[in-house]
Amino acid sequence: MRNIAVKSSIKTAIKKVEQAIEQGEIKLAEERLSEAASILDSAAAKGIIHKNNSSRNKSRMTKKLNAIKNAA
């Protein structure tokens, strides 16, 4: 049951980052990205998700954030 809670928090963190990016709030998106990365790393360290899954998600979010930074 604990794994379900952690996976849910991962999904929520990712959604918050994407929401901030869509709204164009760069500072907020950076803060939320940092929080999401921490949650992903912790889940990967515990073996709840694979480390490559963690890296892939962080990379995708960073890529989206950088795209909006360059556009602004």
Protein backbone atom coordinates (compact mmCIF):
# COMPACT_ATOMS: atom_id res chain seq x y z
CA MET A 1 0.00 0.00 0.00
CA ARG A 2 2.87 2.38 0.66
CA ASN A 3 4.08 2.06 -2.91
CA ILE A 4 0.71 3.23 -4.17
CA ALA A 5 0.94 6.39 -2.06
CA VAL A 6 4.43 7.16 -3.35
CA LYS A 7 3.44 6.57 -6.98
CA SER A 8 0.45 8.85 -6.48
CA SER A 9 2.65 11.61 -5.09
CA ILE A 10 4.97 11.22 -8.09
CA LYS A 11 2.08 11.68 -10.52
CA THR A 12 0.80 14.68 -8.57
CA ALA A 13 4.24 16.33 -8.53
CA ILE A 14 4.65 15.83 -12.28
CA LYS A 15 1.19 17.29 -12.94
CA LYS A 16 2.01 20.35 -10.80
CA VAL A 17 5.18 20.99 -12.81
CA GLU A 18 3.36 20.65 -16.12
CA GLN A 19 0.56 22.91 -14.89
CA ALA A 20 3.03 25.64 -13.92
CA ILE A 21 4.75 25.32 -17.31
CA GLU A 22 1.43 25.63 -19.16
CA GLN A 23 0.60 28.77 -17.21
CA GLY A 24 4.00 30.22 -18.08
CA GLU A 25 5.11 30.61 -14.46
CA ILE A 26 8.81 29.86 -14.83
CA LYS A 27 9.86 30.47 -11.21
CA LEU A 28 7.06 28.30 -9.85
CA ALA A 29 7.80 25.58 -12.39
CA GLU A 30 11.47 25.55 -11.35
CA GLU A 31 10.52 25.15 -7.68
CA ARG A 32 8.06 22.39 -8.44
CA LEU A 33 10.56 20.66 -10.72
CA SER A 34 13.02 20.57 -7.85
CA GLU A 35 10.38 19.04 -5.56
CA ALA A 36 9.34 16.50 -8.20
CA ALA A 37 12.96 15.52 -8.86
CA SER A 38 13.46 14.90 -5.16
CA ILE A 39 10.36 12.68 -4.96
CA LEU A 40 11.41 10.77 -8.09
CA ASP A 41 14.96 10.22 -6.81
CA SER A 42 13.69 9.02 -3.46
CA ALA A 43 11.27 6.57 -5.10
CA ALA A 44 14.04 5.26 -7.36
CA ALA A 45 16.37 4.80 -4.39
CA LYS A 46 13.70 2.77 -2.59
CA GLY A 47 13.10 0.62 -5.65
CA ILE A 48 9.52 1.74 -6.11
CA ILE A 49 10.27 2.88 -9.66
CA HIS A 50 13.25 2.11 -11.88
CA LYS A 51 16.06 4.67 -11.88
CA ASN A 52 15.71 5.11 -15.65
CA ASN A 53 12.02 5.91 -15.19
CA SER A 54 13.00 8.61 -12.72
CA SER A 55 15.63 10.04 -15.06
CA ARG A 56 13.26 9.97 -18.03
CA ASN A 57 10.58 11.91 -16.17
CA LYS A 58 13.04 14.51 -14.89
CA SER A 59 14.49 14.91 -18.37
CA ARG A 60 11.10 15.42 -19.99
CA MET A 61 10.05 18.02 -17.44
CA THR A 62 13.36 19.86 -17.74
CA LYS A 63 13.08 19.83 -21.52
CA LYS A 64 9.61 21.38 -21.37
CA LEU A 65 10.77 24.01 -18.87
CA ASN A 66 13.78 24.95 -21.00
CA ALA A 67 11.58 25.23 -24.08
CA ILE A 68 9.32 27.77 -22.39
CA LYS A 69 12.32 29.66 -20.98
CA ASN A 70 13.82 30.03 -24.45
CA ALA A 71 10.47 31.10 -25.90
CA ALA A 72 10.05 33.84 -23.27
